[in-house]
Amino acid sequence: MTSNQRRILWGGTAALGIALLIISIYLGLEKASMLAGIAGAFFGLLGATFGIYQLRNAQNNPTGGPRQVQRSGNDSINLQSGNDLTIGDDNKFGNSS
């Protein structure tokens, strides 16, 4: 996650929290609690439905699970094929001296 994405995530979370506090103050705590109960039940059912779908979809997957794909760019080093990995006093990766 990049630092820009992290800032957007924290900013969005903070804005949502402030909006929920303002709604709670505007509606009053009792009405806000009832609304939160309804929203919690809705998202709970949505999560359970999604989980059941994922379980059923995993059983119908002929490959047995997700595949791992390794892609490399121009500036990347593939340490799995060719270069040495030394763990010890020097803690070096590859052929660096």
N, C-alpha and C. Protein backbone atom coordinates (compact mmCIF):
# COMPACT_ATOMS: atom_id res chain seq x y z
N MET A 1 0.85 -1.17 0.00
CA MET A 1 0.00 0.00 0.00
C MET A 1 0.89 1.23 0.00
N THR A 2 0.64 2.11 -0.91
CA THR A 2 1.44 3.33 -1.00
C THR A 2 1.01 4.32 0.08
N SER A 3 1.86 5.31 0.30
CA SER A 3 1.54 6.30 1.33
C SER A 3 0.31 7.12 0.94
N ASN A 4 0.11 7.36 -0.34
CA ASN A 4 -1.07 8.10 -0.78
C ASN A 4 -2.34 7.29 -0.52
N GLN A 5 -2.31 5.99 -0.80
CA GLN A 5 -3.46 5.13 -0.52
C GLN A 5 -3.73 5.07 0.98
N ARG A 6 -2.66 5.03 1.77
CA ARG A 6 -2.82 4.99 3.23
C ARG A 6 -3.49 6.28 3.73
N ARG A 7 -3.07 7.42 3.18
CA ARG A 7 -3.69 8.69 3.57
C ARG A 7 -5.16 8.74 3.20
N ILE A 8 -5.49 8.24 2.00
CA ILE A 8 -6.89 8.22 1.57
C ILE A 8 -7.70 7.31 2.47
N LEU A 9 -7.15 6.14 2.83
CA LEU A 9 -7.86 5.21 3.71
C LEU A 9 -8.11 5.83 5.08
N TRP A 10 -7.08 6.42 5.69
CA TRP A 10 -7.26 7.02 7.01
C TRP A 10 -8.18 8.24 6.94
N GLY A 11 -8.05 9.04 5.89
CA GLY A 11 -8.93 10.20 5.74
C GLY A 11 -10.38 9.80 5.56
N GLY A 12 -10.61 8.78 4.75
CA GLY A 12 -11.98 8.28 4.56
C GLY A 12 -12.56 7.69 5.83
N THR A 13 -11.74 6.96 6.57
CA THR A 13 -12.20 6.38 7.84
C THR A 13 -12.54 7.48 8.84
N ALA A 14 -11.69 8.49 8.93
CA ALA A 14 -11.95 9.60 9.84
C ALA A 14 -13.22 10.36 9.43
N ALA A 15 -13.39 10.60 8.14
CA ALA A 15 -14.59 11.31 7.67
C ALA A 15 -15.85 10.50 7.96
N LEU A 16 -15.79 9.19 7.75
CA LEU A 16 -16.95 8.34 8.05
C LEU A 16 -17.26 8.36 9.54
N GLY A 17 -16.24 8.30 10.37
CA GLY A 17 -16.45 8.34 11.82
C GLY A 17 -17.08 9.66 12.27
N ILE A 18 -16.59 10.76 11.72
CA ILE A 18 -17.15 12.07 12.07
C ILE A 18 -18.60 12.18 11.59
N ALA A 19 -18.87 11.66 10.38
CA ALA A 19 -20.24 11.69 9.86
C ALA A 19 -21.17 10.86 10.74
N LEU A 20 -20.71 9.71 11.21
CA LEU A 20 -21.54 8.89 12.09
C LEU A 20 -21.79 9.59 13.43
N LEU A 21 -20.80 10.28 13.95
CA LEU A 21 -21.01 11.03 15.20
C LEU A 21 -22.02 12.15 15.00
N ILE A 22 -21.93 12.86 13.89
CA ILE A 22 -22.87 13.94 13.61
C ILE A 22 -24.29 13.40 13.45
N ILE A 23 -24.44 12.27 12.75
CA ILE A 23 -25.76 11.66 12.58
C ILE A 23 -26.32 11.22 13.93
N SER A 24 -25.44 10.65 14.78
CA SER A 24 -25.89 10.21 16.10
C SER A 24 -26.36 11.38 16.95
N ILE A 25 -25.65 12.49 16.89
CA ILE A 25 -26.06 13.67 17.66
C ILE A 25 -27.36 14.24 17.09
N TYR A 26 -27.49 14.26 15.78
CA TYR A 26 -28.68 14.82 15.15
C TYR A 26 -29.92 13.96 15.44
N LEU A 27 -29.81 12.65 15.34
CA LEU A 27 -30.95 11.77 15.56
C LEU A 27 -31.24 11.51 17.03
N GLY A 28 -30.26 11.66 17.85
CA GLY A 28 -30.39 11.25 19.24
C GLY A 28 -29.86 9.83 19.37
N LEU A 29 -29.39 9.49 20.54
CA LEU A 29 -28.73 8.21 20.72
C LEU A 29 -29.67 7.02 20.55
N GLU A 30 -30.93 7.17 20.95
CA GLU A 30 -31.86 6.04 20.86
C GLU A 30 -32.19 5.70 19.41
N LYS A 31 -32.50 6.71 18.61
CA LYS A 31 -32.80 6.47 17.20
C LYS A 31 -31.55 6.01 16.45
N ALA A 32 -30.40 6.58 16.80
CA ALA A 32 -29.16 6.17 16.15
C ALA A 32 -28.83 4.71 16.47
N SER A 33 -29.14 4.28 17.70
CA SER A 33 -28.93 2.89 18.08
C SER A 33 -29.83 1.95 17.30
N MET A 34 -31.08 2.35 17.12
CA MET A 34 -32.00 1.51 16.32
C MET A 34 -31.54 1.43 14.87
N LEU A 35 -31.11 2.56 14.31
CA LEU A 35 -30.62 2.58 12.94
C LEU A 35 -29.35 1.74 12.80
N ALA A 36 -28.47 1.79 13.79
CA ALA A 36 -27.24 0.98 13.75
C ALA A 36 -27.57 -0.50 13.84
N GLY A 37 -28.59 -0.87 14.59
CA GLY A 37 -29.00 -2.27 14.66
C GLY A 37 -29.51 -2.78 13.33
N ILE A 38 -30.29 -1.96 12.65
CA ILE A 38 -30.80 -2.35 11.32
C ILE A 38 -29.65 -2.45 10.32
N ALA A 39 -28.75 -1.47 10.33
CA ALA A 39 -27.61 -1.49 9.41
C ALA A 39 -26.70 -2.68 9.71
N GLY A 40 -26.48 -2.99 10.99
CA GLY A 40 -25.65 -4.13 11.37
C GLY A 40 -26.25 -5.45 10.91
N ALA A 41 -27.57 -5.58 11.04
CA ALA A 41 -28.23 -6.80 10.58
C ALA A 41 -28.13 -6.93 9.06
N PHE A 42 -28.29 -5.83 8.34
CA PHE A 42 -28.18 -5.85 6.89
C PHE A 42 -26.79 -6.28 6.44
N PHE A 43 -25.75 -5.66 7.03
CA PHE A 43 -24.39 -6.00 6.63
C PHE A 43 -23.99 -7.39 7.11
N GLY A 44 -24.56 -7.85 8.22
CA GLY A 44 -24.32 -9.22 8.66
C GLY A 44 -24.89 -10.24 7.68
N LEU A 45 -26.11 -10.01 7.22
CA LEU A 45 -26.71 -10.89 6.22
C LEU A 45 -25.95 -10.84 4.89
N LEU A 46 -25.52 -9.65 4.52
CA LEU A 46 -24.74 -9.50 3.30
C LEU A 46 -23.42 -10.26 3.39
N GLY A 47 -22.75 -10.17 4.53
CA GLY A 47 -21.49 -10.89 4.73
C GLY A 47 -21.68 -12.39 4.75
N ALA A 48 -22.75 -12.87 5.39
CA ALA A 48 -23.03 -14.30 5.42
C ALA A 48 -23.35 -14.82 4.02
N THR A 49 -24.11 -14.04 3.25
CA THR A 49 -24.43 -14.44 1.88
C THR A 49 -23.17 -14.51 1.03
N PHE A 50 -22.30 -13.54 1.16
CA PHE A 50 -21.06 -13.54 0.41
C PHE A 50 -20.16 -14.71 0.82
N GLY A 51 -20.11 -15.01 2.11
CA GLY A 51 -19.32 -16.14 2.58
C GLY A 51 -19.82 -17.47 2.05
N ILE A 52 -21.13 -17.66 2.05
CA ILE A 52 -21.71 -18.90 1.51
C ILE A 52 -21.43 -19.01 0.02
N TYR A 53 -21.53 -17.90 -0.70
CA TYR A 53 -21.22 -17.90 -2.13
C TYR A 53 -19.76 -18.31 -2.36
N GLN A 54 -18.86 -17.78 -1.56
CA GLN A 54 -17.45 -18.11 -1.72
C GLN A 54 -17.19 -19.59 -1.43
N LEU A 55 -17.84 -20.13 -0.42
CA LEU A 55 -17.67 -21.55 -0.11
C LEU A 55 -18.18 -22.43 -1.24
N ARG A 56 -19.32 -22.07 -1.78
CA ARG A 56 -19.89 -22.87 -2.88
C ARG A 56 -19.05 -22.73 -4.14
N ASN A 57 -18.52 -21.55 -4.39
CA ASN A 57 -17.70 -21.31 -5.57
C ASN A 57 -16.37 -22.05 -5.46
N ALA A 58 -15.81 -22.17 -4.27
CA ALA A 58 -14.54 -22.88 -4.09
C ALA A 58 -14.69 -24.35 -4.37
N GLN A 59 -15.85 -24.93 -4.10
CA GLN A 59 -16.07 -26.34 -4.37
C GLN A 59 -16.20 -26.62 -5.87
N ASN A 60 -16.63 -25.64 -6.64
CA ASN A 60 -16.80 -25.82 -8.08
C ASN A 60 -15.56 -25.43 -8.87
N ASN A 61 -14.49 -25.02 -8.19
CA ASN A 61 -13.28 -24.57 -8.85
C ASN A 61 -12.41 -25.79 -9.19
N PRO A 62 -12.22 -26.12 -10.48
CA PRO A 62 -11.48 -27.33 -10.82
C PRO A 62 -9.98 -27.23 -10.56
N THR A 63 -9.42 -26.03 -10.43
CA THR A 63 -7.98 -25.91 -10.23
C THR A 63 -7.57 -26.13 -8.79
N GLY A 64 -8.52 -26.13 -7.88
CA GLY A 64 -8.21 -26.39 -6.48
C GLY A 64 -7.79 -25.16 -5.70
N GLY A 65 -7.81 -24.01 -6.25
CA GLY A 65 -7.46 -22.80 -5.51
C GLY A 65 -6.86 -21.75 -6.41
N PRO A 66 -6.47 -20.64 -5.83
CA PRO A 66 -5.90 -19.57 -6.64
C PRO A 66 -4.50 -19.93 -7.12
N ARG A 67 -4.13 -19.41 -8.27
CA ARG A 67 -2.80 -19.62 -8.81
C ARG A 67 -1.89 -18.49 -8.38
N GLN A 68 -0.63 -18.81 -8.21
CA GLN A 68 0.35 -17.78 -7.89
C GLN A 68 1.13 -17.47 -9.16
N VAL A 69 1.17 -16.21 -9.51
CA VAL A 69 1.86 -15.78 -10.72
C VAL A 69 2.93 -14.79 -10.31
N GLN A 70 4.12 -15.01 -10.81
CA GLN A 70 5.21 -14.08 -10.54
C GLN A 70 5.52 -13.32 -11.82
N ARG A 71 5.45 -12.03 -11.73
CA ARG A 71 5.79 -11.19 -12.86
C ARG A 71 6.94 -10.29 -12.45
N SER A 72 7.83 -10.06 -13.37
CA SER A 72 8.97 -9.21 -13.04
C SER A 72 9.05 -8.07 -14.03
N GLY A 73 9.59 -6.97 -13.56
CA GLY A 73 9.75 -5.80 -14.40
C GLY A 73 11.20 -5.67 -14.85
N ASN A 74 11.53 -4.54 -15.43
CA ASN A 74 12.87 -4.31 -15.94
C ASN A 74 13.91 -4.22 -14.83
N ASP A 75 13.56 -3.67 -13.68
CA ASP A 75 14.52 -3.45 -12.62
C ASP A 75 14.46 -4.49 -11.51
N SER A 76 13.77 -5.59 -11.72
CA SER A 76 13.63 -6.57 -10.66
C SER A 76 14.67 -7.68 -10.79
N ILE A 77 14.98 -8.29 -9.66
CA ILE A 77 15.91 -9.41 -9.62
C ILE A 77 15.14 -10.62 -9.13
N ASN A 78 15.23 -11.71 -9.85
CA ASN A 78 14.57 -12.94 -9.45
C ASN A 78 15.56 -13.73 -8.58
N LEU A 79 15.34 -13.74 -7.29
CA LEU A 79 16.24 -14.43 -6.37
C LEU A 79 16.04 -15.93 -6.37
N GLN A 80 14.96 -16.41 -6.98
CA GLN A 80 14.68 -17.83 -6.97
C GLN A 80 15.49 -18.58 -8.02
N SER A 81 15.93 -17.92 -9.05
CA SER A 81 16.63 -18.65 -10.11
C SER A 81 17.94 -17.95 -10.44
N GLY A 82 19.03 -18.49 -9.96
CA GLY A 82 20.32 -17.99 -10.40
C GLY A 82 21.12 -17.28 -9.35
N ASN A 83 20.55 -16.37 -8.60
CA ASN A 83 21.33 -15.62 -7.62
C ASN A 83 21.40 -16.36 -6.30
N ASP A 84 22.42 -16.06 -5.53
CA ASP A 84 22.61 -16.72 -4.25
C ASP A 84 21.95 -15.91 -3.14
N LEU A 85 21.51 -16.60 -2.14
CA LEU A 85 20.93 -15.97 -0.95
C LEU A 85 21.81 -16.36 0.22
N THR A 86 22.45 -15.38 0.83
CA THR A 86 23.34 -15.65 1.95
C THR A 86 22.73 -15.01 3.19
N ILE A 87 22.43 -15.82 4.17
CA ILE A 87 21.94 -15.30 5.44
C ILE A 87 22.97 -15.68 6.49
N GLY A 88 23.50 -14.71 7.14
CA GLY A 88 24.54 -14.96 8.13
C GLY A 88 25.08 -13.63 8.62
N ASP A 89 26.40 -13.54 8.71
CA ASP A 89 27.02 -12.33 9.24
C ASP A 89 26.82 -11.13 8.32
N ASP A 90 26.86 -11.37 7.01
CA ASP A 90 26.79 -10.24 6.07
C ASP A 90 25.36 -9.90 5.64
N ASN A 91 24.43 -10.86 5.73
CA ASN A 91 23.03 -10.64 5.33
C ASN A 91 22.94 -10.05 3.94
N LYS A 92 23.44 -10.75 2.93
CA LYS A 92 23.45 -10.26 1.55
C LYS A 92 22.43 -11.02 0.72
N PHE A 93 21.89 -10.33 -0.25
CA PHE A 93 21.04 -10.94 -1.26
C PHE A 93 21.78 -10.87 -2.59
N GLY A 94 21.77 -11.94 -3.34
CA GLY A 94 22.34 -11.94 -4.67
C GLY A 94 23.85 -11.95 -4.68
N ASN A 95 24.44 -11.40 -5.73
CA ASN A 95 25.90 -11.43 -5.92
C ASN A 95 26.56 -10.15 -5.48
N SER A 96 25.92 -9.37 -4.63
CA SER A 96 26.53 -8.10 -4.20
C SER A 96 27.69 -8.39 -3.26
N SER A 97 28.75 -7.60 -3.37
CA SER A 97 29.95 -7.84 -2.54
C SER A 97 30.06 -6.84 -1.43
